[in-house]
Amino acid sequence: MNVRYRVELSQAERCELTAMLSKGKRAARKLKRAQILLAADAGRSDEEIARTVAVGGSTVYRTKRRFVEGNLEQALSEEPRPGAERKLTGKEEALLVATACATPPEGRARWTLELLADAMVRLTDHESLSGETVRRRLAENGLKPWRKDMWCIPKVDGEYVARMEDVLDLYAEAPDPDRPVVFDESPVQLIGEVREPIPAEPGQLERYDCEYRRNGTVNLFVCIDVHRPWRKVKVTERRAAEDYAQCMRELVDVHYPDAGCIRVVQDNLSTHSVGSLYEAFAPDEARRILRRLEFHYTPKHASWLNMVEIEIGVLRGQCLGRRIDDPNWLRREIAAWEKQRNAAGARIKWMFTTEKARAKMGRAYPATSKESQSRVLQKLTKEERLK
């Protein structure tokens, strides 16, 4: 037993090491050093510690020495390792980051490690620079210039806010005879197998060929009730104005024949309009249907406000996440999924409200809306003081 470096921990140090091991959110090497120190404090031999912690005897020796000659922090941390100095200085790393964030050279769509290394050789005194050095320095700064994210930046103005709050208030209303319904559509590719998949067996996953066959597309018209566990999915060969108009007539005559007014939340697709019904039906029929409908539109580039988007995601995950090449087969599978989900009473629990929108998106509201909102709050506060 190595008695030259005897570890005697204080109560505070034992508690710190014990807490570190219980959380387990540290580097594996640091956790092993903590185990070594606790075991040494308990009087175990170096050989026993090495065997229990699964480290070499030299690791036990160095950890104990650094604790006795230094302190707990030195015993847990890494010793400086020998090796070459960093090739890029601080200023050169800043130059590398700035170059990676700049426009790539002419004729190139994006920066690569090789292009960045060549650029740094031209901009600095280095005779050569490896792509691995560039990659490591970029990784330290969280940069990957060869990757891009596409996202939509909505224009948040008075129109955006008005439509958002209109939809949110509709979701928050108590159930009443005027049914609020959320409507949307989504395309689905019909994809079939070229070769028959091999079924799963004990110890072997199901296997299918990477090659597949396209068999066209169909469209899904999806409708859900905001206040009750009901949804309807209609599969059509296209998504023209006539198909949309037929869905609206089915809402009025088949799904909600007794409702006085059906309030439909939908996006801004060109076919989602009053004119589609006049294109599909005679004027008297179109007018009859529209007397029972009230349209509410989500803001542009705000599909997250359409509750049915969540339902479509569930449908894709539970039913459509496989290869289906026949429209009739697709209709049967969707009908079975729809029946099971309705019978289970599944609903979308919408948590975002107008109050939360004003609290979280206050900066995005137009300036006049902020001033009006502030005046209302001041007035309410003054009235409460008078009471």
Foldseek 3Di string as FASTA:
>chain_A
DDPPQQAADDPVLLVVLVVCLVVVPDDPQLNLLSQLNVVSNVPDDLVVSCVVSVHDSVLSVQLSVLCRVDNNVRSRDDDDDDDDDQPADPVLLVVLVVVQPDQQDPPDPWDDLVSSQVVSVVVDVDPGDDSVSSVVSCVVVVDDGVDDDDADDDQQEPVQLVLLQVLQVVLPDDDDLQWEKEKDKDKDWAKAAPDDWDPDDVVGHIGGDPDIDTQAMWMWIKMATSHWQAIDIDIGRDDALLVVLVVLVCVCVPVRVPRQAHEYEYEDPPSPDLVSNVVNDPPVVSVVSVSRYHYRYHDPSPCVSRQCVVVVVVCCVPFVVDHHRDPVVVVVRVVVVNVVSSVVGDHDDDDDHSVNCCVPVVVSYDPVVNVVVVVVVVVVVVVVVVD
